[in-house]
N, C-alpha and C. Protein backbone atom coordinates (compact mmCIF):
# COMPACT_ATOMS: atom_id res chain seq x y z
N MET A 1 64.56 93.95 93.66
CA MET A 1 65.85 94.51 93.79
C MET A 1 66.30 94.90 92.39
N ASN A 2 66.65 96.18 92.18
CA ASN A 2 67.23 96.72 91.02
C ASN A 2 68.66 96.47 90.89
N THR A 3 69.21 95.70 89.97
CA THR A 3 70.59 95.43 89.84
C THR A 3 71.28 96.02 88.65
N GLN A 4 70.55 96.94 88.01
CA GLN A 4 71.06 97.60 86.73
C GLN A 4 71.62 99.00 87.14
N SER A 5 72.78 99.38 86.58
CA SER A 5 73.34 100.65 86.77
C SER A 5 72.63 101.63 85.77
N ARG A 6 73.12 102.90 85.84
CA ARG A 6 72.44 103.94 85.06
C ARG A 6 72.57 103.68 83.63
N ASN A 7 73.62 103.04 83.21
CA ASN A 7 73.87 102.82 81.73
C ASN A 7 73.23 101.48 81.27
N GLY A 8 72.54 100.81 82.10
CA GLY A 8 71.84 99.55 81.75
C GLY A 8 72.64 98.31 81.92
N GLN A 9 73.93 98.36 82.37
CA GLN A 9 74.70 97.15 82.59
C GLN A 9 74.20 96.47 83.84
N ASP A 10 74.30 95.11 83.82
CA ASP A 10 73.79 94.32 84.91
C ASP A 10 75.01 94.06 85.82
N TRP A 11 74.89 94.36 87.10
CA TRP A 11 75.89 94.15 88.20
C TRP A 11 75.31 93.44 89.20
N PRO A 12 75.10 92.11 89.24
CA PRO A 12 74.34 91.40 90.29
C PRO A 12 74.99 91.39 91.68
N GLY A 13 76.34 91.44 91.74
CA GLY A 13 77.01 91.41 93.01
C GLY A 13 77.33 92.81 93.67
N ALA A 14 77.00 93.82 92.92
CA ALA A 14 77.26 95.18 93.38
C ALA A 14 76.21 95.71 94.41
N THR A 15 76.63 96.37 95.51
CA THR A 15 75.68 96.96 96.44
C THR A 15 75.54 98.44 96.16
N THR A 16 74.37 98.93 96.53
CA THR A 16 74.07 100.35 96.26
C THR A 16 74.56 101.07 97.52
N PRO A 17 75.38 102.21 97.26
CA PRO A 17 75.83 102.94 98.40
C PRO A 17 74.68 103.58 99.19
N THR A 18 74.85 103.78 100.44
CA THR A 18 73.86 104.30 101.35
C THR A 18 73.82 105.85 101.16
N ARG A 19 72.80 106.55 101.71
CA ARG A 19 72.83 107.98 101.61
C ARG A 19 74.00 108.60 102.31
N GLY A 20 74.43 108.00 103.43
CA GLY A 20 75.53 108.55 104.21
C GLY A 20 76.91 108.38 103.40
N THR A 21 76.93 107.19 102.76
CA THR A 21 78.18 107.08 101.96
C THR A 21 78.24 108.04 100.77
N LEU A 22 77.14 108.23 100.17
CA LEU A 22 77.10 109.16 99.08
C LEU A 22 77.36 110.63 99.52
N PHE A 23 76.89 110.96 100.67
CA PHE A 23 77.12 112.31 101.27
C PHE A 23 78.62 112.44 101.66
N LEU A 24 79.29 111.39 102.19
CA LEU A 24 80.64 111.60 102.58
C LEU A 24 81.57 111.64 101.28
N ARG A 25 81.13 110.98 100.22
CA ARG A 25 81.90 110.96 99.00
C ARG A 25 82.00 112.35 98.38
N THR A 26 80.97 113.20 98.66
CA THR A 26 80.81 114.48 98.01
C THR A 26 81.00 115.64 99.01
N PHE A 27 81.25 115.37 100.28
CA PHE A 27 81.37 116.43 101.33
C PHE A 27 82.86 116.82 101.39
N LEU A 28 83.19 117.95 100.89
CA LEU A 28 84.53 118.38 100.82
C LEU A 28 85.37 118.54 102.13
N PRO A 29 84.74 119.02 103.21
CA PRO A 29 85.49 118.89 104.48
C PRO A 29 85.95 117.55 104.91
N TRP A 30 85.13 116.58 104.69
CA TRP A 30 85.40 115.17 105.08
C TRP A 30 86.57 114.67 104.10
N GLN A 31 86.56 114.92 102.89
CA GLN A 31 87.52 114.49 101.96
C GLN A 31 88.97 115.19 102.35
N ILE A 32 88.93 116.43 102.76
CA ILE A 32 90.15 117.11 103.15
C ILE A 32 90.72 116.41 104.44
N CYS A 33 89.85 116.12 105.43
CA CYS A 33 90.28 115.41 106.57
C CYS A 33 90.82 114.02 106.21
N ARG A 34 90.22 113.29 105.34
CA ARG A 34 90.70 111.97 105.02
C ARG A 34 92.09 112.11 104.22
N PHE A 35 92.22 113.11 103.42
CA PHE A 35 93.39 113.32 102.65
C PHE A 35 94.53 113.60 103.70
N ILE A 36 94.36 114.38 104.61
CA ILE A 36 95.39 114.80 105.65
C ILE A 36 95.74 113.50 106.41
N TRP A 37 94.68 112.79 106.83
CA TRP A 37 94.93 111.59 107.73
C TRP A 37 95.71 110.51 106.91
N ILE A 38 95.40 110.28 105.67
CA ILE A 38 96.02 109.30 104.86
C ILE A 38 97.51 109.72 104.63
N ASN A 39 97.83 111.07 104.35
CA ASN A 39 99.12 111.50 104.13
C ASN A 39 100.02 111.31 105.45
N LEU A 40 99.40 111.62 106.55
CA LEU A 40 100.07 111.50 107.83
C LEU A 40 100.41 110.07 108.05
N LYS A 41 99.56 109.07 107.72
CA LYS A 41 99.89 107.66 107.87
C LYS A 41 101.00 107.31 106.95
N MET A 42 100.95 107.80 105.71
CA MET A 42 102.03 107.47 104.78
C MET A 42 103.39 107.95 105.21
N MET A 43 103.36 109.31 105.71
CA MET A 43 104.67 109.78 106.27
C MET A 43 105.19 109.11 107.38
N ARG A 44 104.29 108.55 108.30
CA ARG A 44 104.75 107.73 109.43
C ARG A 44 105.41 106.42 108.91
N ILE A 45 104.72 105.76 107.93
CA ILE A 45 105.27 104.51 107.47
C ILE A 45 106.58 104.80 106.78
N ILE A 46 106.75 105.89 106.02
CA ILE A 46 107.91 106.21 105.32
C ILE A 46 109.03 106.51 106.32
N ALA A 47 108.72 107.27 107.33
CA ALA A 47 109.76 107.66 108.34
C ALA A 47 110.19 106.35 109.08
N ARG A 48 109.34 105.41 109.37
CA ARG A 48 109.80 104.23 110.00
C ARG A 48 110.70 103.40 109.12
N SER A 49 110.47 103.37 107.77
CA SER A 49 111.29 102.63 106.88
C SER A 49 112.61 103.23 106.80
N HIS A 50 112.67 104.57 106.85
CA HIS A 50 113.98 105.37 106.71
C HIS A 50 114.88 105.18 107.97
N ARG A 51 114.16 104.95 109.07
CA ARG A 51 114.87 104.90 110.38
C ARG A 51 115.82 103.76 110.36
N GLY A 52 115.57 102.63 109.72
CA GLY A 52 116.43 101.45 109.69
C GLY A 52 117.51 101.63 108.69
N MET A 53 117.37 102.57 107.75
CA MET A 53 118.45 102.68 106.69
C MET A 53 119.65 103.46 107.11
N HIS A 54 119.43 104.50 107.93
CA HIS A 54 120.53 105.39 108.24
C HIS A 54 121.52 104.84 109.28
N GLY A 55 122.74 105.18 109.20
CA GLY A 55 123.70 104.74 110.16
C GLY A 55 124.12 103.31 109.95
N GLN A 56 123.88 102.66 108.87
CA GLN A 56 124.37 101.22 108.69
C GLN A 56 125.30 101.12 107.50
N GLY A 57 125.81 102.23 106.99
CA GLY A 57 126.81 102.11 105.89
C GLY A 57 126.14 102.06 104.56
N MET A 58 124.89 102.24 104.42
CA MET A 58 124.27 102.15 103.10
C MET A 58 124.48 103.44 102.34
N THR A 59 124.81 103.41 101.07
CA THR A 59 124.96 104.54 100.31
C THR A 59 123.81 104.87 99.41
N GLY A 60 122.77 104.12 99.43
CA GLY A 60 121.65 104.27 98.56
C GLY A 60 121.63 103.55 97.26
N ARG A 61 122.78 102.82 97.02
CA ARG A 61 122.88 102.06 95.77
C ARG A 61 122.52 100.58 96.13
N ALA A 62 121.87 99.87 95.23
CA ALA A 62 121.57 98.61 95.41
C ALA A 62 122.80 97.66 95.52
N GLY A 63 122.90 96.87 96.54
CA GLY A 63 124.11 95.97 96.73
C GLY A 63 125.22 96.62 97.35
N ALA A 64 125.12 97.86 97.85
CA ALA A 64 126.22 98.56 98.47
C ALA A 64 126.10 98.56 99.98
N GLY A 65 125.43 97.56 100.52
CA GLY A 65 125.30 97.52 102.03
C GLY A 65 126.57 97.15 102.70
N PRO A 66 126.52 97.14 104.04
CA PRO A 66 127.80 96.86 104.90
C PRO A 66 128.45 95.59 104.54
N ASP A 67 127.65 94.53 104.11
CA ASP A 67 128.22 93.21 103.95
C ASP A 67 129.09 93.25 102.67
N ARG A 68 128.68 93.95 101.57
CA ARG A 68 129.49 94.07 100.35
C ARG A 68 130.69 94.90 100.57
N ALA A 69 130.53 96.04 101.37
CA ALA A 69 131.72 96.86 101.63
C ALA A 69 132.82 96.04 102.41
N GLN A 70 132.35 95.32 103.41
CA GLN A 70 133.23 94.52 104.17
C GLN A 70 133.99 93.44 103.36
N ALA A 71 133.30 92.84 102.44
CA ALA A 71 133.79 91.71 101.62
C ALA A 71 134.84 92.33 100.65
N ALA A 72 134.63 93.60 100.23
CA ALA A 72 135.44 94.20 99.21
C ALA A 72 136.87 94.54 99.90
N HIS A 73 136.84 94.79 101.14
CA HIS A 73 138.12 95.14 101.83
C HIS A 73 138.90 93.99 102.31
N ASN A 74 138.40 92.80 102.28
CA ASN A 74 139.05 91.57 102.80
C ASN A 74 139.79 90.89 101.77
């Protein structure tokens, strides 16, 4: 088993990528699909996090939530 990289460094725990893995790393249509899919996942996560923020009296400043506003008026 050859454990040396192209520049001669020894990487005993590293696995060699398969032909399929190397193909997908260089296949532009696959990379575009993955890019779109990952961005859609990020947008979904961000949208879910913003759903809980709106309508609760938050102004976007740290420490300016409804509890602080209520305490300031009492």
